[in-house]
Amino acid sequence: SYPIIYYFIKTNVYYSQDIQLWILFGGKTLAIFYICTLLRTCENKKYIEWLQPFMNVGKYALTNYISQSILTLVILSLYFKDVSHVYYWQLCIFGLLIIFVQIIFSEIWSKHFRYGPIEWVWRKGVYKK
């Protein structure tokens, strides 16, 4: 990854013909690394408690996905006229804040309800109960 970082600093471009192979293989390698690390973490019992808040987020995945999309659309359109002028680091911080809010929401919601609001509507529509 150091050659890529050095290349980005020197040329100040994001996509170039010279680094397409790095981008092609780098993303897949990183994805495999993330999957293997997550699997190794889940095998260790002391880390499972640490992952509990993320399990609640996964339990209400549809609600979190839809709410993340709506929150992002509403908040970014209210604060920025042209989102293309927002820096990547600002978007990363915004994304982390959204994830943090969803972790808290899912934790609180799981103490009172079995299903998320959108999951509940989905089940009502599918099972007609």
Protein backbone atom coordinates (compact mmCIF):
# COMPACT_ATOMS: atom_id res chain seq x y z
CA SER A 1 0.00 0.00 0.00
CA TYR A 2 2.95 2.35 0.45
CA PRO A 3 3.60 2.61 -3.31
CA ILE A 4 -0.03 3.55 -3.85
CA ILE A 5 0.05 6.22 -1.13
CA TYR A 6 3.30 7.59 -2.51
CA TYR A 7 1.82 7.65 -6.02
CA PHE A 8 -1.30 9.49 -4.80
CA ILE A 9 0.81 12.09 -3.02
CA LYS A 10 3.04 12.68 -6.02
CA THR A 11 0.41 12.76 -8.78
CA ASN A 12 -2.69 13.93 -6.87
CA VAL A 13 -5.04 11.66 -8.84
CA TYR A 14 -7.48 9.03 -7.70
CA TYR A 15 -7.75 6.84 -10.81
CA SER A 16 -4.96 6.27 -13.23
CA GLN A 17 -4.04 3.57 -15.70
CA ASP A 18 -0.79 2.96 -13.81
CA ILE A 19 -2.40 1.75 -10.59
CA GLN A 20 -5.42 -0.20 -11.82
CA LEU A 21 -3.84 -3.54 -10.87
CA TRP A 22 -3.15 -2.31 -7.34
CA ILE A 23 -6.77 -1.23 -7.02
CA LEU A 24 -8.07 -4.47 -8.54
CA PHE A 25 -6.12 -6.83 -6.27
CA GLY A 26 -5.85 -4.57 -3.22
CA GLY A 27 -9.59 -4.40 -2.58
CA LYS A 28 -10.09 -8.14 -2.82
CA THR A 29 -7.10 -8.84 -0.58
CA LEU A 30 -8.37 -6.37 2.00
CA ALA A 31 -11.85 -7.94 1.93
CA ILE A 32 -10.36 -11.40 2.53
CA PHE A 33 -8.30 -9.97 5.40
CA TYR A 34 -11.41 -8.42 7.00
CA ILE A 35 -13.39 -11.65 6.69
CA CYS A 36 -10.58 -13.77 8.17
CA THR A 37 -10.03 -11.31 11.01
CA LEU A 38 -13.74 -11.24 11.83
CA LEU A 39 -13.95 -15.04 11.80
CA ARG A 40 -10.91 -15.34 14.08
CA THR A 41 -12.41 -12.76 16.43
CA CYS A 42 -15.73 -14.61 16.60
CA GLU A 43 -13.95 -17.81 17.60
CA ASN A 44 -12.62 -16.18 20.77
CA LYS A 45 -15.26 -16.13 23.53
CA LYS A 46 -13.98 -13.01 25.28
CA TYR A 47 -14.47 -10.92 22.12
CA ILE A 48 -18.05 -12.07 21.59
CA GLU A 49 -19.27 -9.80 24.42
CA TRP A 50 -17.44 -6.90 22.78
CA LEU A 51 -19.28 -7.63 19.52
CA GLN A 52 -22.75 -7.72 21.15
CA PRO A 53 -23.70 -4.14 20.11
CA PHE A 54 -22.90 -5.04 16.50
CA MET A 55 -25.09 -8.13 16.78
CA ASN A 56 -28.04 -5.89 17.65
CA VAL A 57 -27.29 -3.73 14.61
CA GLY A 58 -27.36 -6.87 12.46
CA LYS A 59 -30.62 -7.98 14.07
CA TYR A 60 -32.32 -4.84 12.76
CA ALA A 61 -30.37 -4.71 9.50
CA LEU A 62 -33.25 -3.62 7.26
CA THR A 63 -34.30 -0.83 9.62
CA ASN A 64 -30.71 0.36 9.99
CA TYR A 65 -30.09 0.24 6.24
CA ILE A 66 -33.20 2.25 5.38
CA SER A 67 -32.69 4.72 8.25
CA GLN A 68 -29.03 5.20 7.29
CA SER A 69 -30.04 6.02 3.72
CA ILE A 70 -32.77 8.43 4.79
CA LEU A 71 -30.64 10.13 7.47
CA THR A 72 -27.73 10.58 5.10
CA LEU A 73 -29.92 11.97 2.35
CA VAL A 74 -31.75 14.40 4.64
CA ILE A 75 -28.78 15.61 6.68
CA LEU A 76 -26.39 16.05 3.77
CA SER A 77 -29.00 17.80 1.63
CA LEU A 78 -29.84 20.19 4.49
CA TYR A 79 -26.25 21.19 5.24
CA PHE A 80 -24.63 21.10 1.81
CA LYS A 81 -25.88 22.54 -1.44
CA ASP A 82 -23.39 20.45 -3.44
CA VAL A 83 -22.23 17.25 -1.75
CA SER A 84 -19.39 16.83 -4.26
CA HIS A 85 -17.50 19.60 -2.42
CA VAL A 86 -17.51 17.71 0.88
CA TYR A 87 -14.10 16.29 1.79
CA TYR A 88 -13.68 12.54 2.16
CA TRP A 89 -12.56 12.86 5.78
CA GLN A 90 -15.78 14.73 6.58
CA LEU A 91 -17.84 11.97 4.99
CA CYS A 92 -15.90 9.35 6.97
CA ILE A 93 -16.61 11.15 10.24
CA PHE A 94 -20.26 11.53 9.24
CA GLY A 95 -20.44 7.80 8.45
CA LEU A 96 -18.91 6.89 11.80
CA LEU A 97 -21.42 9.13 13.59
CA ILE A 98 -24.31 7.46 11.76
CA ILE A 99 -22.97 4.02 12.72
CA PHE A 100 -22.57 5.14 16.35
CA VAL A 101 -26.17 6.43 16.44
CA GLN A 102 -27.40 3.15 14.95
CA ILE A 103 -25.51 1.10 17.53
CA ILE A 104 -27.13 3.11 20.34
CA PHE A 105 -30.58 2.93 18.70
CA SER A 106 -30.30 -0.83 18.19
CA GLU A 107 -29.13 -1.39 21.76
CA ILE A 108 -32.04 0.59 23.23
CA TRP A 109 -34.58 -0.88 20.80
CA SER A 110 -33.51 -4.47 21.54
CA LYS A 111 -34.33 -4.00 25.23
CA HIS A 112 -37.98 -3.23 24.44
CA PHE A 113 -38.85 -4.95 21.16
CA ARG A 114 -38.05 -8.19 19.38
CA TYR A 115 -38.14 -6.80 15.82
CA GLY A 116 -37.19 -3.47 14.30
CA PRO A 117 -39.98 -1.21 13.02
CA ILE A 118 -39.39 -1.98 9.36
CA GLU A 119 -38.84 -5.68 10.09
CA TRP A 120 -42.17 -5.68 11.93
CA VAL A 121 -43.98 -4.12 8.94
CA TRP A 122 -42.23 -6.59 6.64
CA ARG A 123 -43.36 -9.58 8.75
CA LYS A 124 -46.93 -8.24 8.94
CA GLY A 125 -47.02 -7.97 5.16
CA VAL A 126 -45.46 -11.35 4.47
CA TYR A 127 -47.15 -13.50 7.11
CA LYS A 128 -50.45 -11.55 7.33
CA LYS A 129 -50.52 -11.95 11.11
